[in-house]
Protein backbone atom coordinates (compact mmCIF):
# COMPACT_ATOMS: atom_id res chain seq x y z
CA MET A 1 -138.53 61.70 -37.76
CA LYS A 2 -136.36 64.73 -38.31
CA ILE A 3 -136.61 65.53 -34.63
CA LEU A 4 -135.39 62.03 -33.69
CA SER A 5 -132.32 62.51 -35.90
CA HIS A 6 -131.56 65.99 -34.64
CA PRO A 7 -128.09 66.13 -32.87
CA LYS A 8 -129.45 68.03 -29.85
CA PHE A 9 -132.23 65.47 -29.34
CA ILE A 10 -129.75 62.55 -29.51
CA THR A 11 -127.47 64.28 -27.01
CA TYR A 12 -130.43 64.88 -24.67
CA LEU A 13 -131.51 61.24 -25.00
CA ILE A 14 -128.02 59.97 -24.16
CA LEU A 15 -127.88 62.19 -21.10
CA CYS A 16 -131.26 60.95 -19.90
CA ILE A 17 -130.28 57.30 -20.35
CA GLY A 18 -127.03 57.94 -18.48
CA LEU A 19 -128.91 59.66 -15.68
CA ILE A 20 -131.28 56.68 -15.37
CA PHE A 21 -128.40 54.19 -15.13
CA ASN A 22 -126.54 56.36 -12.62
CA THR A 23 -129.68 56.67 -10.51
CA ASN A 24 -130.24 52.93 -10.59
CA SER A 25 -126.65 52.18 -9.56
CA ALA A 26 -126.73 54.81 -6.83
CA TYR A 27 -129.86 53.35 -5.28
CA ALA A 28 -129.12 49.71 -6.03
CA THR A 29 -130.13 47.36 -3.27
CA PRO A 30 -127.07 45.93 -1.54
CA PRO A 31 -126.70 42.14 -1.78
CA LEU A 32 -128.33 39.94 0.83
CA THR A 33 -125.71 37.96 2.70
CA THR A 34 -126.26 34.91 4.96
CA LEU A 35 -124.20 33.92 7.95
CA ASN A 36 -122.78 30.89 6.17
CA GLN A 37 -121.64 33.05 3.27
CA LEU A 38 -119.83 35.43 5.64
CA ILE A 39 -118.12 32.51 7.43
CA LYS A 40 -116.99 31.00 4.11
CA ILE A 41 -115.53 34.29 2.85
CA ALA A 42 -113.84 34.96 6.19
CA THR A 43 -112.18 31.55 6.45
CA GLN A 44 -110.80 31.99 2.93
CA ASN A 45 -109.61 35.61 3.16
CA ASN A 46 -108.97 36.59 6.80
CA ALA A 47 -105.40 37.89 7.08
CA ASP A 48 -104.86 36.87 10.69
CA LEU A 49 -105.98 33.30 9.94
CA LYS A 50 -103.62 33.15 6.99
CA SER A 51 -100.83 34.41 9.25
CA LYS A 52 -101.49 31.62 11.79
CA LYS A 53 -101.41 29.05 9.01
CA LEU A 54 -98.14 30.37 7.60
CA ALA A 55 -96.62 30.34 11.11
CA TRP A 56 -97.55 26.65 11.42
CA GLN A 57 -96.14 25.82 7.99
CA SER A 58 -92.99 27.80 8.75
CA LEU A 59 -92.33 25.81 11.95
CA ILE A 60 -92.52 22.55 10.01
CA GLN A 61 -89.36 23.66 8.20
CA LYS A 62 -87.62 24.08 11.55
CA TYR A 63 -87.72 20.32 12.35
CA PRO A 64 -85.06 19.14 9.82
CA GLN A 65 -82.82 21.97 11.04
CA ALA A 66 -83.17 20.90 14.68
CA ILE A 67 -82.18 17.25 14.12
CA ALA A 68 -79.33 18.01 11.71
CA LEU A 69 -75.65 18.05 12.65
CA ASN A 70 -73.75 21.30 12.53
CA ASP A 71 -72.08 21.98 9.21
CA PRO A 72 -68.56 20.54 9.03
CA ARG A 73 -65.74 23.08 9.13
CA ILE A 74 -62.87 23.04 6.66
CA SER A 75 -59.78 25.22 7.05
CA TYR A 76 -56.70 25.80 4.90
CA THR A 77 -53.38 27.08 6.18
CA GLU A 78 -50.61 28.39 3.90
CA ALA A 79 -47.23 28.68 5.65
CA LEU A 80 -45.53 32.05 5.10
CA ARG A 81 -42.49 30.76 6.95
CA PRO A 82 -42.73 26.99 6.77
CA ILE A 83 -41.83 25.09 9.89
CA GLU A 84 -38.82 22.87 9.14
CA THR A 85 -39.04 19.27 10.20
CA ARG A 86 -36.71 16.35 9.71
CA LEU A 87 -38.86 15.20 6.82
CA GLY A 88 -39.10 18.66 5.28
CA PRO A 89 -40.92 22.03 5.67
CA GLN A 90 -44.68 22.10 6.38
CA ASP A 91 -45.82 24.11 3.39
CA ARG A 92 -49.61 23.98 3.81
CA ILE A 93 -52.26 22.31 5.96
CA LEU A 94 -55.85 21.27 5.15
CA SER A 95 -58.19 20.42 8.07
CA LEU A 96 -61.74 19.06 8.26
CA ASN A 97 -63.71 19.09 11.55
CA GLN A 98 -67.15 17.88 12.50
CA LYS A 99 -68.86 18.48 15.90
CA LEU A 100 -70.94 15.60 17.23
CA PRO A 101 -73.42 16.12 20.10
CA PHE A 102 -73.89 13.53 22.79
CA PRO A 103 -76.10 10.64 21.57
CA GLY A 104 -79.79 11.39 22.04
CA LYS A 105 -79.40 15.17 22.22
CA LEU A 106 -80.54 15.88 18.66
CA GLU A 107 -83.55 13.61 19.01
CA LEU A 108 -84.73 15.62 22.03
CA LYS A 109 -84.21 18.89 20.14
CA GLY A 110 -86.37 17.46 17.36
CA GLU A 111 -89.08 16.55 19.88
CA VAL A 112 -89.07 20.12 21.22
CA VAL A 113 -89.62 21.50 17.72
CA TRP A 114 -92.30 18.90 16.98
CA SER A 115 -94.15 20.05 20.09
CA GLU A 116 -93.94 23.64 18.78
CA ILE A 117 -95.35 22.48 15.43
CA LYS A 118 -98.34 20.81 17.11
CA THR A 119 -98.90 23.97 19.17
CA ALA A 120 -98.86 26.12 16.03
CA LYS A 121 -101.41 23.82 14.38
CA ILE A 122 -103.75 24.12 17.36
CA ARG A 123 -103.28 27.91 17.41
CA TYR A 124 -104.37 27.91 13.78
CA ASP A 125 -107.45 25.81 14.64
CA LYS A 126 -108.23 28.13 17.55
CA ALA A 127 -107.86 31.23 15.34
CA SER A 128 -110.29 29.63 12.86
CA ARG A 129 -112.84 28.92 15.58
CA ASP A 130 -112.43 32.42 17.07
CA LEU A 131 -112.94 33.94 13.66
CA ILE A 132 -116.16 32.03 13.14
CA VAL A 133 -117.39 33.05 16.62
CA ASN A 134 -116.55 36.71 15.98
CA ILE A 135 -118.43 36.56 12.66
CA LYS A 136 -121.46 35.00 14.34
CA GLN A 137 -121.52 37.57 17.11
CA SER A 138 -121.19 40.50 14.73
CA PHE A 139 -123.79 39.00 12.45
CA HIS A 140 -126.40 38.67 15.23
CA GLU A 141 -125.58 42.15 16.48
CA LEU A 142 -126.12 43.45 12.95
CA VAL A 143 -129.45 41.60 12.76
CA TYR A 144 -130.54 43.32 15.98
CA LEU A 145 -129.54 46.72 14.64
CA GLU A 146 -131.43 46.09 11.37
CA ASN A 147 -134.56 45.12 13.29
CA ALA A 148 -134.21 48.04 15.69
CA ILE A 149 -133.82 50.48 12.79
CA GLN A 150 -136.94 49.14 11.06
CA LEU A 151 -138.99 49.35 14.27
CA SER A 152 -137.73 52.87 14.97
CA LEU A 153 -138.43 54.03 11.42
CA LYS A 154 -142.00 52.74 11.66
CA ASN A 155 -142.38 54.50 14.96
CA LYS A 156 -140.90 57.68 13.51
CA LYS A 157 -143.36 57.62 10.61
CA LEU A 158 -146.23 57.14 13.05
CA LEU A 159 -145.00 60.02 15.21
CA GLU A 160 -144.85 62.27 12.16
CA THR A 161 -148.56 61.64 11.61
CA ILE A 162 -149.37 62.12 15.29
CA ASN A 163 -147.39 65.38 15.32
CA LYS A 164 -149.52 66.73 12.46
CA ILE A 165 -152.74 65.57 14.11
CA SER A 166 -151.81 66.95 17.52
CA SER A 167 -150.85 70.31 16.00
CA ALA A 168 -154.14 70.47 14.13
CA ASP A 169 -156.08 69.44 17.24
CA TYR A 170 -154.31 72.04 19.30
CA ALA A 171 -155.15 74.70 16.74
CA ALA A 172 -158.80 73.56 16.97
CA ASP A 173 -158.56 73.64 20.76
CA ILE A 174 -159.14 69.87 20.96
CA SER A 175 -155.79 68.78 22.48
CA THR A 176 -153.48 70.49 24.98
CA LEU A 177 -150.06 72.05 24.53
CA ASN A 178 -148.65 69.23 26.68
CA ASP A 179 -149.85 66.67 24.11
CA VAL A 180 -148.12 68.56 21.30
CA ALA A 181 -144.91 68.90 23.27
CA LYS A 182 -144.89 65.22 24.18
CA ALA A 183 -145.46 64.19 20.57
CA GLN A 184 -142.67 66.47 19.38
CA SER A 185 -140.23 65.29 22.07
CA GLN A 186 -140.87 61.63 21.26
CA TYR A 187 -140.38 62.37 17.57
CA ALA A 188 -137.06 64.09 18.31
CA GLN A 189 -135.97 61.13 20.47
CA VAL A 190 -136.83 58.50 17.88
CA SER A 191 -135.05 60.54 15.18
CA TYR A 192 -131.93 60.50 17.32
CA ASP A 193 -132.35 56.77 17.92
CA VAL A 194 -132.57 56.11 14.18
CA GLN A 195 -129.40 58.09 13.51
CA LEU A 196 -127.52 56.37 16.33
CA LEU A 197 -128.65 52.88 15.28
CA THR A 198 -127.74 53.62 11.66
CA GLU A 199 -124.21 54.64 12.65
CA LEU A 200 -123.84 51.55 14.88
CA ARG A 201 -124.98 49.41 11.92
CA SER A 202 -122.33 50.99 9.73
CA SER A 203 -119.65 50.34 12.37
CA GLU A 204 -120.74 46.70 12.73
CA LYS A 205 -120.60 46.21 8.96
CA THR A 206 -117.11 47.65 8.93
CA ARG A 207 -116.09 45.20 11.66
CA ILE A 208 -117.41 42.30 9.59
CA ASN A 209 -115.75 43.60 6.41
CA THR A 210 -112.37 43.82 8.17
CA LEU A 211 -112.76 40.22 9.34
CA LEU A 212 -113.46 39.25 5.73
CA ASN A 213 -110.44 41.24 4.49
CA ARG A 214 -112.47 43.44 2.15
CA HIS A 215 -113.17 47.17 1.86
CA PRO A 216 -114.48 48.58 5.16
CA GLU A 217 -117.33 50.40 3.44
CA TYR A 218 -118.56 47.44 1.39
CA ASN A 219 -122.33 47.47 1.71
CA PHE A 220 -124.45 44.35 2.25
CA ARG A 221 -127.67 43.29 3.92
CA VAL A 222 -128.57 40.55 6.39
CA ARG A 223 -131.89 38.86 6.82
CA SER A 224 -133.87 39.74 9.96
CA ASN A 225 -134.95 37.03 12.34
CA THR A 226 -137.64 37.30 15.03
CA GLN A 227 -138.29 33.61 15.64
CA LYS A 228 -137.87 32.24 19.15
CA PRO A 229 -134.80 29.99 19.29
CA ALA A 230 -134.64 26.56 20.87
CA LYS A 231 -133.35 26.51 24.41
CA LEU A 232 -129.88 25.15 25.02
CA ALA A 233 -130.40 21.48 25.88
CA HIS A 234 -126.93 20.67 27.23
CA LYS A 235 -126.33 20.44 30.97
CA LEU A 236 -123.71 22.54 32.71
CA ILE A 237 -121.65 19.51 33.66
CA ASN A 238 -121.28 18.57 29.99
CA LEU A 239 -120.27 22.14 29.12
CA TYR A 240 -117.55 21.90 31.81
CA ARG A 241 -116.32 18.63 30.38
CA TRP A 242 -116.13 19.97 26.85
CA ALA A 243 -114.37 23.13 27.99
CA ASP A 244 -111.68 20.95 29.57
CA THR A 245 -110.65 19.80 26.09
CA ASN A 246 -110.80 23.08 24.15
CA GLU A 247 -107.88 24.49 22.17
CA GLU A 248 -106.49 26.67 24.95
CA LEU A 249 -106.09 23.72 27.28
CA GLN A 250 -104.63 21.62 24.45
CA ILE A 251 -102.01 24.34 24.00
CA ALA A 252 -101.38 24.28 27.76
CA ASP A 253 -100.90 20.49 27.63
CA LEU A 254 -98.38 20.88 24.82
CA ALA A 255 -96.54 23.54 26.81
CA ILE A 256 -96.20 21.03 29.66
CA GLU A 257 -95.06 18.36 27.19
CA LYS A 258 -92.47 20.69 25.68
CA SER A 259 -91.15 21.73 29.09
CA SER A 260 -90.84 18.02 30.04
CA ILE A 261 -88.72 17.41 26.96
CA GLU A 262 -86.66 20.53 27.69
CA LYS A 263 -86.10 19.20 31.20
CA LYS A 264 -84.64 16.01 29.72
CA LEU A 265 -82.59 18.08 27.31
CA ALA A 266 -81.24 20.18 30.21
CA GLY A 267 -79.76 16.99 31.66
CA TYR A 268 -77.38 16.94 28.66
CA ALA A 269 -75.77 20.15 29.96
CA GLU A 270 -73.39 17.99 32.05
CA ARG A 271 -72.66 15.58 29.20
CA PRO A 272 -69.84 16.25 26.75
CA ASP A 273 -70.01 16.96 23.06
CA PHE A 274 -67.44 15.50 20.66
CA ASP A 275 -65.29 16.79 17.84
CA LEU A 276 -63.97 14.61 15.00
CA GLY A 277 -61.25 15.96 12.69
CA LEU A 278 -59.08 15.00 9.74
CA ARG A 279 -55.83 16.87 9.02
CA TYR A 280 -53.69 16.74 5.88
CA THR A 281 -50.21 18.37 5.91
CA GLN A 282 -48.17 18.91 2.75
CA ILE A 283 -44.46 18.48 3.39
CA GLY A 284 -41.78 19.95 1.16
CA SER A 285 -38.38 18.46 0.32
CA SER A 286 -35.92 18.44 3.24
CA GLY A 287 -32.81 18.34 1.10
CA ILE A 288 -31.38 15.56 3.35
CA ASN A 289 -30.59 12.29 1.63
CA GLY A 290 -31.17 8.93 3.22
CA VAL A 291 -34.03 10.04 5.49
CA LYS A 292 -36.95 7.65 5.46
CA ASN A 293 -40.26 9.17 4.29
CA ASN A 294 -38.41 12.27 3.15
CA SER A 295 -40.94 14.98 1.93
CA LYS A 296 -43.83 12.58 2.44
CA ASP A 297 -47.15 14.35 3.25
CA GLY A 298 -48.75 13.86 6.66
CA LEU A 299 -52.27 12.64 7.46
CA ALA A 300 -53.78 12.67 10.97
CA VAL A 301 -57.10 12.01 12.67
CA SER A 302 -58.17 13.98 15.77
CA ILE A 303 -60.83 13.37 18.37
CA GLY A 304 -61.90 16.08 20.79
CA ILE A 305 -64.33 16.18 23.73
CA SER A 306 -65.85 19.08 25.65
CA ILE A 307 -65.49 19.08 29.42
CA PRO A 308 -68.60 20.50 31.19
CA LEU A 309 -66.79 21.66 34.29
CA ASN A 310 -69.04 24.65 35.07
CA PHE A 311 -71.29 22.84 37.55
CA GLU A 312 -73.02 26.02 38.68
CA LYS A 313 -74.11 26.83 35.12
CA ASN A 314 -75.19 23.26 34.40
CA ASN A 315 -77.21 23.05 37.63
CA ALA A 316 -78.86 26.40 36.79
CA ILE A 317 -79.90 25.08 33.38
CA LYS A 318 -81.50 21.98 34.93
CA GLU A 319 -83.24 23.98 37.69
CA GLN A 320 -84.60 26.48 35.21
CA ALA A 321 -86.08 23.66 33.12
CA ARG A 322 -87.63 22.09 36.24
CA LEU A 323 -89.20 25.35 37.37
CA ASN A 324 -90.48 26.07 33.86
CA GLN A 325 -92.26 22.70 33.83
CA LEU A 326 -93.88 23.41 37.21
CA LYS A 327 -94.91 26.89 35.98
CA ASN A 328 -96.68 25.39 32.97
CA ILE A 329 -98.48 22.82 35.13
CA GLU A 330 -99.81 25.57 37.43
CA ALA A 331 -100.66 27.78 34.45
CA LYS A 332 -102.84 24.98 33.05
CA LYS A 333 -104.67 24.63 36.39
CA ALA A 334 -105.31 28.41 36.51
CA LEU A 335 -106.51 28.39 32.86
CA LYS A 336 -108.85 25.48 33.57
CA HIS A 337 -110.43 27.37 36.47
CA ARG A 338 -110.81 30.53 34.37
CA LEU A 339 -112.47 28.62 31.58
CA ARG A 340 -114.94 26.95 33.92
CA ASN A 341 -115.74 30.30 35.46
CA LYS A 342 -116.39 31.74 31.98
CA VAL A 343 -118.58 28.74 31.10
CA LYS A 344 -120.68 29.32 34.23
CA GLY A 345 -120.96 33.06 33.43
CA ILE A 346 -122.05 32.48 29.85
CA TYR A 347 -124.42 29.75 31.01
CA PHE A 348 -126.13 32.22 33.28
CA LYS A 349 -126.35 34.82 30.51
CA LEU A 350 -127.86 32.23 28.16
CA ASN A 351 -130.55 31.30 30.64
CA ASN A 352 -131.26 34.93 31.47
CA SER A 353 -131.52 35.87 27.76
CA TYR A 354 -133.90 32.98 27.14
CA ARG A 355 -136.02 34.02 30.12
CA LEU A 356 -136.23 37.54 28.66
CA ILE A 357 -137.17 36.13 25.23
CA THR A 358 -139.96 34.14 26.80
CA LEU A 359 -141.09 37.05 28.99
CA TYR A 360 -141.29 39.57 26.18
CA GLY A 361 -142.30 37.21 23.38
CA ASP A 362 -144.98 35.25 25.22
CA ASN A 363 -146.28 37.79 27.74
CA LEU A 364 -145.32 41.46 27.55
CA ILE A 365 -145.45 42.02 23.78
CA PRO A 366 -148.90 40.41 23.35
CA GLN A 367 -150.14 42.53 26.25
CA ALA A 368 -148.57 45.64 24.71
CA ASN A 369 -150.24 44.82 21.37
CA ARG A 370 -153.63 44.63 23.02
CA ALA A 371 -153.01 47.82 24.99
CA LEU A 372 -151.94 49.60 21.81
CA GLN A 373 -155.06 48.48 19.94
CA ILE A 374 -157.27 49.73 22.80
CA ALA A 375 -155.39 53.04 22.90
CA GLN A 376 -155.80 53.45 19.13
CA LEU A 377 -159.49 52.67 19.31
CA GLN A 378 -160.08 55.09 22.21
CA TYR A 379 -158.17 57.84 20.49
CA ARG A 380 -160.23 57.41 17.30
CA GLN A 381 -163.42 57.53 19.35
CA ASN A 382 -162.17 60.65 21.21
CA LYS A 383 -162.17 58.73 24.47
CA GLY A 384 -158.40 58.92 25.04
CA SER A 385 -155.72 61.56 24.87
CA ILE A 386 -152.69 61.73 22.57
CA ALA A 387 -150.44 61.55 25.63
CA LYS A 388 -151.93 58.22 26.68
CA TYR A 389 -151.69 56.86 23.14
CA LEU A 390 -148.06 57.99 22.88
CA GLU A 391 -147.24 56.37 26.21
CA THR A 392 -148.76 53.07 25.06
CA GLN A 393 -146.91 53.29 21.75
CA SER A 394 -143.61 53.95 23.50
CA THR A 395 -144.12 50.99 25.81
CA TRP A 396 -144.83 48.75 22.82
CA LEU A 397 -141.69 49.92 21.03
CA ASN A 398 -139.49 49.42 24.09
CA PHE A 399 -140.81 45.89 24.54
CA GLN A 400 -140.12 45.11 20.89
CA LEU A 401 -136.58 46.44 21.14
CA ALA A 402 -135.97 44.53 24.38
CA TYR A 403 -137.17 41.34 22.67
CA GLN A 404 -134.78 41.87 19.74
CA ARG A 405 -131.96 42.62 22.17
CA ALA A 406 -132.63 39.38 24.04
CA LEU A 407 -132.65 37.41 20.77
CA ALA A 408 -129.28 38.89 19.76
CA ASP A 409 -127.74 38.37 23.21
CA TYR A 410 -128.86 34.74 23.27
CA ALA A 411 -127.36 34.02 19.82
CA LYS A 412 -124.13 35.82 20.73
CA ASN A 413 -123.81 33.90 24.00
CA ILE A 414 -124.37 30.61 22.16
CA ALA A 415 -121.44 31.55 19.89
CA GLU A 416 -119.30 32.45 22.91
CA MET A 417 -120.13 29.09 24.52
CA GLU A 418 -119.02 27.40 21.30
CA ARG A 419 -115.71 29.24 21.63
CA LEU A 420 -115.25 27.97 25.20
CA THR A 421 -116.33 24.37 24.64
CA GLY A 422 -115.02 23.83 21.16
CA LYS A 423 -118.40 22.32 20.21
CA SER A 424 -121.07 23.38 17.76
CA LEU A 425 -124.17 24.02 19.90
């Protein structure tokens, strides 16, 4: 009991406990994260999405400014040398003026801004969909990298054992130098592959973390998936039809709508604006007796009108608005063709990825499994060489990696098709 109470023993015990906790924290398993969790965090924290939402909310505040009259103007004049009139000197003048646009002009300006507000809302919706698609694509790429790393690590561990066996067999004059060299070269290659895949996994995690607006080196895990997905059941004609209503084309429609309103607004270039004023003049004493309204202050109302005489400028304004509308119409047609072309391209990639999934999953990998079992059995019975076994093992690994690549490509292309069509597939 004296040993337990000794200061040196207590210090040693505290150090050991601290070392245990530090070791546990250093090697703690990173949290497992699902795709839905990543999407939820991203939609709540992504900086670009927040920016799009603030831009939409900011434009809403532009509408009351667009439909409001200009601020009235008030001016005060103090006469340093008053102008003498029959009624007396004009000592000071107070004026109030208000500009009035031609009827209907402010309403059209408001419609232009309202079109911009609707466009900003759709841009926000598009940014939200793009963010989800980017998360899905990065997630499925990360799943592929995780699976590829696990397969490569298993292969590396196997090659370590084969390297030891081949070296021992070569020393016993059972295997050839070529077998040893091949085993060592494959081990070096798979070691490089593991390092490369690990760095790619780190980069993909950083990409996801930046989309989630958190520290780029935040560590997390994703669950692997090797199940064969269901084939896309939608026909190409339906995908075309959905793509014709996606956010990009909605924005193009609003651009045409806005240019149509601006075309109407351009017609007001040849219509006058008005100016309404009120003027108060303070009159001093004239010093002349018997004059009616002597030193009585003056009050006047003024009405002004602008004269749009610059016909060349006004015609240019109208022509610019007309050409801008035609430009937006043609831009929508071009965008529609590009989207359909992208849909067809992604549709081909989807079908090709699914064909590869079926080819490797249903045919090549089962065959490679059987060939690997035979090669293992022959090697154990001294009926086959290390080189043949290594070749069979390499083929099996390549088929497994190709299958995982096809799974990831299929999932990523599904996400891209969702971006183009605006539908959850």
